[in-house]
Amino acid sequence: MNKAQFYQRLASIKKIAAIKEPKYLEKALEAELSAVVLSIGNIAVIKRYVDLFKRSNFPVFLHIERIGGISHDKDGVDFIAHYVKPVGIVSTRNNLIIQAKKQGLLTIQRLFLVDSDAVKSGLQSIQETQPDAVEFMPALVTDYIAEFRKEIDLPIIAGGLIRTKDQMREAIRHGATAVSMGNCQLWKEDLNYE
């Protein structure tokens, strides 16, 4: 999947499953999703998990820092790109985003907006790394989604602390392209406005 196809899928479906437990792998396959982000597994099982989603034509991203046994460096990214072969990675680390882009993987840079310094350094990181998309956490900081939307021309994914369909819609109303959530009940929600 190339960047344009991923952007189109994000814009049309607007939901990303953040999978944090193996029992939710099959549930994600039953939902209409833009992509899945795997925050589970280890070096022994991660290829099997990725292949499961690839067989069903789901774009799959790895939250590289949460995959056991894979180093958080150039060699770890190279292993993921050449052996595991997901569509891309999610990371908070600039060096991993840069290396993944060199390997042809799509990248989602995750930013935790905890204070005004984090907002400022987040914008600087995005300029340095040029990720394919940015994920803001927590998703409930919708005013900052609108503020970043003015500064960057990248898909914005809102993730973290989403508990309701209304919160999902609110993030999108404020400029998020899609939302990412771990609650499998929300994966099936229709985000079109009635």
N, C-alpha and C. Protein backbone atom coordinates (compact mmCIF):
# COMPACT_ATOMS: atom_id res chain seq x y z
N MET A 1 0.85 -1.17 0.00
CA MET A 1 0.00 0.00 0.00
C MET A 1 0.90 1.23 0.00
N ASN A 2 0.60 2.15 -0.89
CA ASN A 2 1.37 3.39 -0.92
C ASN A 2 0.69 4.47 -0.07
N LYS A 3 1.38 5.60 0.05
CA LYS A 3 0.88 6.68 0.90
C LYS A 3 -0.48 7.20 0.42
N ALA A 4 -0.65 7.39 -0.88
CA ALA A 4 -1.92 7.90 -1.40
C ALA A 4 -3.07 6.94 -1.09
N GLN A 5 -2.84 5.65 -1.22
CA GLN A 5 -3.88 4.67 -0.91
C GLN A 5 -4.22 4.68 0.58
N PHE A 6 -3.20 4.82 1.41
CA PHE A 6 -3.43 4.89 2.86
C PHE A 6 -4.23 6.14 3.20
N TYR A 7 -3.86 7.27 2.64
CA TYR A 7 -4.59 8.52 2.89
C TYR A 7 -6.05 8.39 2.47
N GLN A 8 -6.29 7.78 1.33
CA GLN A 8 -7.66 7.60 0.84
C GLN A 8 -8.45 6.71 1.80
N ARG A 9 -7.81 5.66 2.27
CA ARG A 9 -8.48 4.75 3.19
C ARG A 9 -8.78 5.44 4.53
N LEU A 10 -7.82 6.23 5.03
CA LEU A 10 -8.04 6.98 6.26
C LEU A 10 -9.22 7.94 6.13
N ALA A 11 -9.25 8.66 5.03
CA ALA A 11 -10.30 9.66 4.82
C ALA A 11 -11.68 9.03 4.67
N SER A 12 -11.75 7.83 4.12
CA SER A 12 -13.07 7.24 3.89
C SER A 12 -13.58 6.41 5.07
N ILE A 13 -12.70 5.73 5.79
CA ILE A 13 -13.16 4.86 6.88
C ILE A 13 -13.01 5.51 8.25
N LYS A 14 -11.94 6.23 8.49
CA LYS A 14 -11.74 7.08 9.67
C LYS A 14 -11.51 6.36 11.00
N LYS A 15 -11.36 5.04 11.00
CA LYS A 15 -11.17 4.31 12.26
C LYS A 15 -9.96 3.40 12.16
N ILE A 16 -9.13 3.43 13.20
CA ILE A 16 -7.96 2.56 13.31
C ILE A 16 -8.09 1.77 14.60
N ALA A 17 -7.89 0.46 14.50
CA ALA A 17 -7.93 -0.39 15.69
C ALA A 17 -6.54 -0.43 16.32
N ALA A 18 -6.47 -0.05 17.57
CA ALA A 18 -5.24 -0.19 18.34
C ALA A 18 -5.35 -1.50 19.11
N ILE A 19 -4.61 -2.50 18.68
CA ILE A 19 -4.74 -3.83 19.26
C ILE A 19 -3.66 -4.04 20.31
N LYS A 20 -4.11 -4.27 21.54
CA LYS A 20 -3.20 -4.38 22.68
C LYS A 20 -3.24 -5.75 23.33
N GLU A 21 -4.14 -6.61 22.87
CA GLU A 21 -4.24 -7.97 23.41
C GLU A 21 -4.55 -8.93 22.27
N PRO A 22 -3.94 -10.13 22.27
CA PRO A 22 -4.17 -11.08 21.18
C PRO A 22 -5.64 -11.45 20.96
N LYS A 23 -6.43 -11.43 22.02
CA LYS A 23 -7.83 -11.82 21.88
C LYS A 23 -8.62 -10.88 20.97
N TYR A 24 -8.06 -9.69 20.67
CA TYR A 24 -8.76 -8.75 19.80
C TYR A 24 -8.34 -8.82 18.34
N LEU A 25 -7.40 -9.68 18.01
CA LEU A 25 -6.95 -9.81 16.62
C LEU A 25 -8.12 -10.17 15.70
N GLU A 26 -8.87 -11.20 16.05
CA GLU A 26 -9.99 -11.65 15.21
C GLU A 26 -11.11 -10.62 15.17
N LYS A 27 -11.36 -9.94 16.28
CA LYS A 27 -12.42 -8.92 16.31
C LYS A 27 -12.12 -7.79 15.34
N ALA A 28 -10.87 -7.41 15.21
CA ALA A 28 -10.51 -6.35 14.29
C ALA A 28 -10.78 -6.77 12.84
N LEU A 29 -10.61 -8.04 12.54
CA LEU A 29 -10.87 -8.53 11.18
C LEU A 29 -12.35 -8.43 10.82
N GLU A 30 -13.21 -8.36 11.81
CA GLU A 30 -14.66 -8.29 11.58
C GLU A 30 -15.16 -6.86 11.38
N ALA A 31 -14.33 -5.87 11.64
CA ALA A 31 -14.75 -4.47 11.58
C ALA A 31 -14.24 -3.80 10.31
N GLU A 32 -14.93 -2.74 9.91
CA GLU A 32 -14.44 -1.94 8.78
C GLU A 32 -13.51 -0.87 9.36
N LEU A 33 -12.23 -0.99 9.02
CA LEU A 33 -11.20 -0.14 9.61
C LEU A 33 -10.27 0.41 8.54
N SER A 34 -9.70 1.57 8.83
CA SER A 34 -8.67 2.13 7.94
C SER A 34 -7.41 1.30 8.02
N ALA A 35 -7.07 0.88 9.23
CA ALA A 35 -5.83 0.14 9.49
C ALA A 35 -5.89 -0.43 10.89
N VAL A 36 -4.89 -1.24 11.20
CA VAL A 36 -4.70 -1.71 12.57
C VAL A 36 -3.29 -1.35 13.00
N VAL A 37 -3.17 -1.04 14.28
CA VAL A 37 -1.86 -0.81 14.89
C VAL A 37 -1.67 -1.89 15.93
N LEU A 38 -0.64 -2.71 15.74
CA LEU A 38 -0.35 -3.77 16.68
C LEU A 38 0.60 -3.26 17.75
N SER A 39 0.14 -3.28 18.99
CA SER A 39 0.96 -2.90 20.14
C SER A 39 1.15 -4.13 21.01
N ILE A 40 1.21 -5.28 20.38
CA ILE A 40 1.36 -6.56 21.07
C ILE A 40 2.33 -7.43 20.30
N GLY A 41 2.74 -8.49 20.94
CA GLY A 41 3.55 -9.48 20.27
C GLY A 41 5.02 -9.34 20.57
N ASN A 42 5.76 -10.24 19.97
CA ASN A 42 7.21 -10.25 20.12
C ASN A 42 7.83 -10.78 18.84
N ILE A 43 9.11 -10.87 18.83
CA ILE A 43 9.83 -11.27 17.63
C ILE A 43 9.38 -12.64 17.12
N ALA A 44 8.90 -13.52 18.00
CA ALA A 44 8.50 -14.86 17.61
C ALA A 44 7.14 -14.91 16.91
N VAL A 45 6.23 -13.98 17.21
CA VAL A 45 4.87 -14.07 16.68
C VAL A 45 4.47 -12.91 15.78
N ILE A 46 5.24 -11.86 15.74
CA ILE A 46 4.77 -10.65 15.07
C ILE A 46 4.55 -10.84 13.57
N LYS A 47 5.38 -11.62 12.91
CA LYS A 47 5.17 -11.85 11.47
C LYS A 47 3.85 -12.56 11.23
N ARG A 48 3.52 -13.52 12.08
CA ARG A 48 2.24 -14.24 11.95
C ARG A 48 1.06 -13.28 12.11
N TYR A 49 1.15 -12.37 13.08
CA TYR A 49 0.09 -11.38 13.28
C TYR A 49 -0.04 -10.47 12.07
N VAL A 50 1.07 -9.99 11.57
CA VAL A 50 1.04 -9.10 10.40
C VAL A 50 0.46 -9.84 9.20
N ASP A 51 0.89 -11.06 8.97
CA ASP A 51 0.39 -11.84 7.83
C ASP A 51 -1.11 -12.09 7.93
N LEU A 52 -1.63 -12.27 9.14
CA LEU A 52 -3.06 -12.46 9.35
C LEU A 52 -3.84 -11.28 8.75
N PHE A 53 -3.38 -10.08 9.03
CA PHE A 53 -4.08 -8.89 8.52
C PHE A 53 -3.80 -8.65 7.04
N LYS A 54 -2.60 -8.95 6.60
CA LYS A 54 -2.28 -8.76 5.19
C LYS A 54 -3.14 -9.67 4.30
N ARG A 55 -3.41 -10.90 4.77
CA ARG A 55 -4.27 -11.82 4.00
C ARG A 55 -5.68 -11.25 3.82
N SER A 56 -6.11 -10.42 4.75
CA SER A 56 -7.45 -9.81 4.67
C SER A 56 -7.37 -8.38 4.13
N ASN A 57 -6.25 -8.01 3.55
CA ASN A 57 -6.04 -6.69 2.95
C ASN A 57 -6.21 -5.53 3.93
N PHE A 58 -5.81 -5.74 5.17
CA PHE A 58 -5.79 -4.67 6.16
C PHE A 58 -4.40 -4.06 6.20
N PRO A 59 -4.29 -2.74 6.09
CA PRO A 59 -3.00 -2.12 6.34
C PRO A 59 -2.64 -2.30 7.81
N VAL A 60 -1.45 -2.80 8.08
CA VAL A 60 -1.05 -3.07 9.46
C VAL A 60 0.22 -2.29 9.78
N PHE A 61 0.18 -1.61 10.92
CA PHE A 61 1.31 -0.85 11.43
C PHE A 61 1.76 -1.49 12.73
N LEU A 62 3.04 -1.43 13.01
CA LEU A 62 3.57 -1.93 14.27
C LEU A 62 3.99 -0.76 15.14
N HIS A 63 3.55 -0.78 16.39
CA HIS A 63 4.07 0.18 17.35
C HIS A 63 5.37 -0.44 17.84
N ILE A 64 6.43 -0.08 17.15
CA ILE A 64 7.72 -0.76 17.26
C ILE A 64 8.24 -0.82 18.70
N GLU A 65 7.97 0.19 19.49
CA GLU A 65 8.48 0.23 20.85
C GLU A 65 7.77 -0.77 21.77
N ARG A 66 6.69 -1.36 21.29
CA ARG A 66 5.94 -2.31 22.12
C ARG A 66 6.07 -3.76 21.65
N ILE A 67 6.91 -4.00 20.68
CA ILE A 67 7.11 -5.34 20.16
C ILE A 67 8.35 -5.93 20.84
N GLY A 68 8.16 -6.94 21.65
CA GLY A 68 9.26 -7.53 22.42
C GLY A 68 10.31 -8.19 21.54
N GLY A 69 11.56 -8.02 21.93
CA GLY A 69 12.66 -8.69 21.25
C GLY A 69 13.18 -7.99 20.02
N ILE A 70 12.58 -6.86 19.66
CA ILE A 70 13.05 -6.11 18.50
C ILE A 70 13.68 -4.82 19.02
N SER A 71 14.92 -4.60 18.63
CA SER A 71 15.62 -3.41 19.12
C SER A 71 15.03 -2.15 18.52
N HIS A 72 15.15 -1.08 19.25
CA HIS A 72 14.61 0.22 18.83
C HIS A 72 15.71 1.02 18.16
N ASP A 73 16.25 0.43 17.09
CA ASP A 73 17.34 1.07 16.38
C ASP A 73 17.27 0.70 14.90
N LYS A 74 18.29 1.07 14.15
CA LYS A 74 18.34 0.81 12.71
C LYS A 74 18.14 -0.67 12.39
N ASP A 75 18.82 -1.55 13.14
CA ASP A 75 18.71 -2.98 12.88
C ASP A 75 17.29 -3.50 13.13
N GLY A 76 16.64 -3.01 14.17
CA GLY A 76 15.27 -3.41 14.45
C GLY A 76 14.32 -2.99 13.34
N VAL A 77 14.47 -1.75 12.86
CA VAL A 77 13.63 -1.26 11.76
C VAL A 77 13.91 -2.05 10.49
N ASP A 78 15.18 -2.32 10.22
CA ASP A 78 15.53 -3.10 9.02
C ASP A 78 14.91 -4.49 9.08
N PHE A 79 14.94 -5.13 10.25
CA PHE A 79 14.33 -6.45 10.42
C PHE A 79 12.83 -6.39 10.14
N ILE A 80 12.18 -5.39 10.69
CA ILE A 80 10.74 -5.23 10.47
C ILE A 80 10.44 -5.03 8.98
N ALA A 81 11.20 -4.16 8.33
CA ALA A 81 10.95 -3.84 6.93
C ALA A 81 11.17 -5.04 6.02
N HIS A 82 12.21 -5.81 6.26
CA HIS A 82 12.58 -6.87 5.32
C HIS A 82 12.04 -8.25 5.66
N TYR A 83 11.69 -8.49 6.92
CA TYR A 83 11.19 -9.80 7.30
C TYR A 83 9.71 -9.77 7.68
N VAL A 84 9.33 -8.86 8.55
CA VAL A 84 7.94 -8.82 9.02
C VAL A 84 7.03 -8.20 7.96
N LYS A 85 7.47 -7.14 7.32
CA LYS A 85 6.81 -6.47 6.20
C LYS A 85 5.41 -5.91 6.48
N PRO A 86 5.27 -5.10 7.53
CA PRO A 86 3.99 -4.39 7.70
C PRO A 86 3.94 -3.23 6.70
N VAL A 87 2.82 -2.56 6.64
CA VAL A 87 2.72 -1.34 5.83
C VAL A 87 3.60 -0.25 6.42
N GLY A 88 3.65 -0.22 7.77
CA GLY A 88 4.44 0.83 8.39
C GLY A 88 4.59 0.65 9.89
N ILE A 89 5.12 1.71 10.51
CA ILE A 89 5.33 1.69 11.95
C ILE A 89 4.69 2.92 12.59
N VAL A 90 4.47 2.81 13.88
CA VAL A 90 4.07 3.92 14.74
C VAL A 90 5.19 4.06 15.75
N SER A 91 5.64 5.29 15.99
CA SER A 91 6.68 5.49 16.98
C SER A 91 6.66 6.91 17.51
N THR A 92 7.18 7.06 18.71
CA THR A 92 7.38 8.39 19.29
C THR A 92 8.80 8.88 19.01
N ARG A 93 9.64 8.02 18.50
CA ARG A 93 11.06 8.33 18.35
C ARG A 93 11.42 8.79 16.94
N ASN A 94 12.03 9.95 16.87
CA ASN A 94 12.42 10.53 15.57
C ASN A 94 13.32 9.59 14.78
N ASN A 95 14.33 9.00 15.43
CA ASN A 95 15.28 8.16 14.70
C ASN A 95 14.60 6.95 14.06
N LEU A 96 13.58 6.40 14.72
CA LEU A 96 12.87 5.25 14.16
C LEU A 96 12.00 5.66 12.97
N ILE A 97 11.38 6.82 13.06
CA ILE A 97 10.58 7.33 11.94
C ILE A 97 11.47 7.55 10.73
N ILE A 98 12.61 8.19 10.93
CA ILE A 98 13.53 8.47 9.82
C ILE A 98 14.04 7.17 9.19
N GLN A 99 14.43 6.21 10.02
CA GLN A 99 14.94 4.94 9.48
C GLN A 99 13.85 4.16 8.75
N ALA A 100 12.64 4.16 9.28
CA ALA A 100 11.54 3.44 8.63
C ALA A 100 11.24 4.05 7.26
N LYS A 101 11.28 5.36 7.16
CA LYS A 101 11.05 6.01 5.86
C LYS A 101 12.13 5.59 4.86
N LYS A 102 13.38 5.49 5.32
CA LYS A 102 14.47 5.04 4.44
C LYS A 102 14.23 3.62 3.92
N GLN A 103 13.53 2.82 4.73
CA GLN A 103 13.25 1.44 4.34
C GLN A 103 11.94 1.31 3.55
N GLY A 104 11.29 2.43 3.26
CA GLY A 104 10.08 2.39 2.45
C GLY A 104 8.81 2.10 3.22
N LEU A 105 8.87 2.13 4.54
CA LEU A 105 7.68 1.92 5.35
C LEU A 105 6.93 3.23 5.53
N LEU A 106 5.61 3.16 5.64
CA LEU A 106 4.84 4.34 6.01
C LEU A 106 5.05 4.59 7.50
N THR A 107 4.93 5.83 7.91
CA THR A 107 5.23 6.16 9.30
C THR A 107 4.14 7.03 9.91
N ILE A 108 3.82 6.71 11.15
CA ILE A 108 2.92 7.52 11.96
C ILE A 108 3.70 7.93 13.20
N GLN A 109 3.90 9.22 13.36
CA GLN A 109 4.61 9.71 14.53
C GLN A 109 3.60 10.02 15.62
N ARG A 110 3.80 9.41 16.77
CA ARG A 110 2.90 9.58 17.90
C ARG A 110 3.44 10.69 18.80
N LEU A 111 2.56 11.63 19.14
CA LEU A 111 2.92 12.74 20.02
C LEU A 111 1.99 12.75 21.23
N PHE A 112 2.57 12.91 22.40
CA PHE A 112 1.79 13.05 23.62
C PHE A 112 1.73 14.53 23.97
N LEU A 113 0.56 15.13 23.86
CA LEU A 113 0.39 16.56 24.10
C LEU A 113 0.02 16.78 25.56
N VAL A 114 1.04 16.88 26.39
CA VAL A 114 0.80 17.00 27.83
C VAL A 114 0.93 18.43 28.33
N ASP A 115 1.64 19.28 27.59
CA ASP A 115 1.78 20.68 27.98
C ASP A 115 2.24 21.48 26.76
N SER A 116 2.40 22.80 26.93
CA SER A 116 2.74 23.66 25.79
C SER A 116 4.13 23.34 25.24
N ASP A 117 5.05 22.88 26.07
CA ASP A 117 6.37 22.48 25.58
C ASP A 117 6.26 21.26 24.67
N ALA A 118 5.39 20.32 25.01
CA ALA A 118 5.20 19.14 24.18
C ALA A 118 4.61 19.51 22.83
N VAL A 119 3.73 20.50 22.80
CA VAL A 119 3.16 20.96 21.54
C VAL A 119 4.27 21.55 20.67
N LYS A 120 5.09 22.40 21.25
CA LYS A 120 6.19 23.03 20.51
C LYS A 120 7.20 21.99 20.00
N SER A 121 7.62 21.09 20.87
CA SER A 121 8.60 20.09 20.44
C SER A 121 7.98 19.10 19.45
N GLY A 122 6.68 18.86 19.57
CA GLY A 122 6.00 17.99 18.61
C GLY A 122 6.03 18.57 17.20
N LEU A 123 5.75 19.86 17.09
CA LEU A 123 5.83 20.51 15.78
C LEU A 123 7.24 20.44 15.21
N GLN A 124 8.24 20.62 16.06
CA GLN A 124 9.64 20.53 15.61
C GLN A 124 9.96 19.11 15.14
N SER A 125 9.50 18.12 15.87
CA SER A 125 9.74 16.72 15.48
C SER A 125 9.13 16.41 14.12
N ILE A 126 7.92 16.86 13.91
CA ILE A 126 7.24 16.61 12.64
C ILE A 126 8.03 17.24 11.48
N GLN A 127 8.53 18.44 11.69
CA GLN A 127 9.33 19.10 10.65
C GLN A 127 10.61 18.33 10.38
N GLU A 128 11.24 17.76 11.41
CA GLU A 128 12.47 17.00 11.24
C GLU A 128 12.25 15.67 10.54
N THR A 129 11.22 14.97 10.93
CA THR A 129 11.04 13.60 10.46
C THR A 129 10.17 13.46 9.22
N GLN A 130 9.26 14.41 9.00
CA GLN A 130 8.34 14.34 7.87
C GLN A 130 7.60 12.99 7.81
N PRO A 131 6.89 12.63 8.90
CA PRO A 131 6.16 11.36 8.88
C PRO A 131 5.01 11.42 7.88
N ASP A 132 4.42 10.27 7.62
CA ASP A 132 3.28 10.21 6.70
C ASP A 132 1.98 10.61 7.38
N ALA A 133 1.93 10.46 8.68
CA ALA A 133 0.77 10.88 9.47
C ALA A 133 1.25 11.13 10.90
N VAL A 134 0.42 11.84 11.64
CA VAL A 134 0.73 12.18 13.03
C VAL A 134 -0.42 11.71 13.89
N GLU A 135 -0.09 11.08 15.02
CA GLU A 135 -1.13 10.68 15.98
C GLU A 135 -0.96 11.51 17.24
N PHE A 136 -2.04 12.20 17.63
CA PHE A 136 -2.04 12.99 18.86
C PHE A 136 -2.69 12.18 19.96
N MET A 137 -2.07 12.24 21.12
CA MET A 137 -2.62 11.58 22.29
C MET A 137 -2.57 12.56 23.45
N PRO A 138 -3.61 12.67 24.25
CA PRO A 138 -4.89 11.98 24.09
C PRO A 138 -5.76 12.66 23.03
N ALA A 139 -6.67 11.89 22.49
CA ALA A 139 -7.56 12.37 21.43
C ALA A 139 -8.49 13.48 21.91
N LEU A 140 -8.64 13.60 23.20
CA LEU A 140 -9.60 14.55 23.75
C LEU A 140 -9.09 15.99 23.75
N VAL A 141 -7.90 16.23 23.25
CA VAL A 141 -7.35 17.60 23.17
C VAL A 141 -7.71 18.18 21.80
N THR A 142 -8.99 18.26 21.55
CA THR A 142 -9.46 18.63 20.22
C THR A 142 -9.06 20.04 19.79
N ASP A 143 -8.91 20.97 20.72
CA ASP A 143 -8.46 22.31 20.33
C ASP A 143 -7.09 22.27 19.68
N TYR A 144 -6.23 21.36 20.15
CA TYR A 144 -4.90 21.25 19.57
C TYR A 144 -4.92 20.57 18.21
N ILE A 145 -5.89 19.72 18.00
CA ILE A 145 -6.03 19.12 16.66
C ILE A 145 -6.27 20.24 15.65
N ALA A 146 -7.19 21.13 15.97
CA ALA A 146 -7.48 22.25 15.07
C ALA A 146 -6.26 23.15 14.90
N GLU A 147 -5.51 23.37 15.97
CA GLU A 147 -4.31 24.22 15.91
C GLU A 147 -3.23 23.57 15.02
N PHE A 148 -2.99 22.29 15.20
CA PHE A 148 -2.00 21.60 14.37
C PHE A 148 -2.46 21.54 12.91
N ARG A 149 -3.75 21.39 12.70
CA ARG A 149 -4.28 21.33 11.33
C ARG A 149 -3.86 22.57 10.55
N LYS A 150 -3.78 23.72 11.22
CA LYS A 150 -3.36 24.96 10.57
C LYS A 150 -1.87 24.95 10.23
N GLU A 151 -1.08 24.18 10.96
CA GLU A 151 0.38 24.18 10.83
C GLU A 151 0.93 23.08 9.93
N ILE A 152 0.23 21.94 9.84
CA ILE A 152 0.77 20.82 9.07
C ILE A 152 -0.26 20.32 8.06
N ASP A 153 0.25 19.82 6.98
CA ASP A 153 -0.60 19.27 5.93
C ASP A 153 -0.39 17.75 5.86
N LEU A 154 -0.68 17.09 6.96
CA LEU A 154 -0.57 15.65 7.07
C LEU A 154 -1.85 15.11 7.70
N PRO A 155 -2.19 13.85 7.43
CA PRO A 155 -3.32 13.29 8.15
C PRO A 155 -3.06 13.29 9.65
N ILE A 156 -4.05 13.69 10.41
CA ILE A 156 -3.95 13.70 11.86
C ILE A 156 -4.85 12.59 12.39
N ILE A 157 -4.27 11.73 13.21
CA ILE A 157 -5.00 10.65 13.85
C ILE A 157 -5.12 11.00 15.33
N ALA A 158 -6.32 10.94 15.86
CA ALA A 158 -6.55 11.22 17.28
C ALA A 158 -6.67 9.89 18.00
N GLY A 159 -5.84 9.68 19.02
CA GLY A 159 -5.86 8.41 19.73
C GLY A 159 -5.74 8.60 21.22
N GLY A 160 -6.22 7.65 21.96
CA GLY A 160 -6.08 7.66 23.41
C GLY A 160 -7.26 8.23 24.15
N LEU A 161 -7.75 7.50 25.12
CA LEU A 161 -8.83 7.89 26.02
C LEU A 161 -10.20 8.03 25.35
N ILE A 162 -10.36 7.52 24.16
CA ILE A 162 -11.67 7.59 23.49
C ILE A 162 -12.56 6.49 24.06
N ARG A 163 -13.72 6.92 24.58
CA ARG A 163 -14.66 5.97 25.17
C ARG A 163 -16.01 5.95 24.48
N THR A 164 -16.32 6.98 23.68
CA THR A 164 -17.66 7.06 23.08
C THR A 164 -17.60 7.45 21.62
N LYS A 165 -18.69 7.16 20.95
CA LYS A 165 -18.84 7.56 19.55
C LYS A 165 -18.81 9.09 19.43
N ASP A 166 -19.40 9.78 20.38
CA ASP A 166 -19.39 11.25 20.35
C ASP A 166 -17.98 11.80 20.44
N GLN A 167 -17.12 11.19 21.24
CA GLN A 167 -15.73 11.64 21.32
C GLN A 167 -15.01 11.40 19.99
N MET A 168 -15.31 10.30 19.34
CA MET A 168 -14.73 10.02 18.02
C MET A 168 -15.15 11.11 17.04
N ARG A 169 -16.43 11.40 17.01
CA ARG A 169 -16.95 12.42 16.09
C ARG A 169 -16.37 13.80 16.40
N GLU A 170 -16.21 14.12 17.67
CA GLU A 170 -15.69 15.42 18.07
C GLU A 170 -14.26 15.60 17.57
N ALA A 171 -13.45 14.57 17.67
CA ALA A 171 -12.07 14.65 17.16
C ALA A 171 -12.07 14.89 15.65
N ILE A 172 -12.93 14.21 14.95
CA ILE A 172 -13.01 14.38 13.49
C ILE A 172 -13.55 15.77 13.15
N ARG A 173 -14.53 16.23 13.88
CA ARG A 173 -15.09 17.57 13.65
C ARG A 173 -14.02 18.65 13.81
N HIS A 174 -13.07 18.43 14.70
CA HIS A 174 -12.00 19.41 14.94
C HIS A 174 -10.81 19.25 13.99
N GLY A 175 -10.90 18.34 13.03
CA GLY A 175 -9.85 18.25 12.03
C GLY A 175 -9.07 16.96 11.97
N ALA A 176 -9.35 16.00 12.85
CA ALA A 176 -8.68 14.71 12.76
C ALA A 176 -9.16 13.99 11.50
N THR A 177 -8.25 13.35 10.83
CA THR A 177 -8.60 12.57 9.65
C THR A 177 -9.24 11.25 10.08
N ALA A 178 -8.72 10.68 11.17
CA ALA A 178 -9.20 9.40 11.68
C ALA A 178 -8.98 9.36 13.18
N VAL A 179 -9.58 8.35 13.82
CA VAL A 179 -9.38 8.13 15.24
C VAL A 179 -8.85 6.71 15.45
N SER A 180 -8.04 6.55 16.48
CA SER A 180 -7.46 5.26 16.83
C SER A 180 -7.91 4.92 18.24
N MET A 181 -8.46 3.71 18.41
CA MET A 181 -8.93 3.35 19.74
C MET A 181 -8.78 1.86 19.97
N GLY A 182 -8.60 1.51 21.23
CA GLY A 182 -8.45 0.12 21.63
C GLY A 182 -9.75 -0.56 21.98
N ASN A 183 -10.83 0.19 22.15
CA ASN A 183 -12.13 -0.36 22.51
C ASN A 183 -12.76 -1.01 21.29
N CYS A 184 -12.81 -2.34 21.27
CA CYS A 184 -13.30 -3.05 20.09
C CYS A 184 -14.77 -2.77 19.79
N GLN A 185 -15.54 -2.33 20.76
CA GLN A 185 -16.95 -1.97 20.50
C GLN A 185 -17.02 -0.74 19.59
N LEU A 186 -16.07 0.17 19.75
CA LEU A 186 -16.05 1.39 18.92
C LEU A 186 -15.59 1.13 17.50
N TRP A 187 -14.89 0.03 17.27
CA TRP A 187 -14.42 -0.28 15.91
C TRP A 187 -15.58 -0.46 14.94
N LYS A 188 -16.73 -0.83 15.46
CA LYS A 188 -17.89 -1.09 14.60
C LYS A 188 -18.82 0.11 14.45
N GLU A 189 -18.51 1.20 15.13
CA GLU A 189 -19.37 2.40 15.08
C GLU A 189 -19.29 3.07 13.70
N ASP A 190 -20.44 3.55 13.26
CA ASP A 190 -20.54 4.31 12.02
C ASP A 190 -20.31 5.78 12.37
N LEU A 191 -19.33 6.40 11.75
CA LEU A 191 -19.01 7.79 12.07
C LEU A 191 -19.72 8.79 11.16
N ASN A 192 -20.52 8.31 10.24
CA ASN A 192 -21.29 9.25 9.41
C ASN A 192 -22.34 9.90 10.27
N TYR A 193 -22.56 11.18 10.00
CA TYR A 193 -23.56 11.90 10.78
C TYR A 193 -24.94 11.60 10.23
N GLU A 194 -25.84 11.27 11.16
CA GLU A 194 -27.22 10.95 10.75
C GLU A 194 -27.95 12.21 10.36
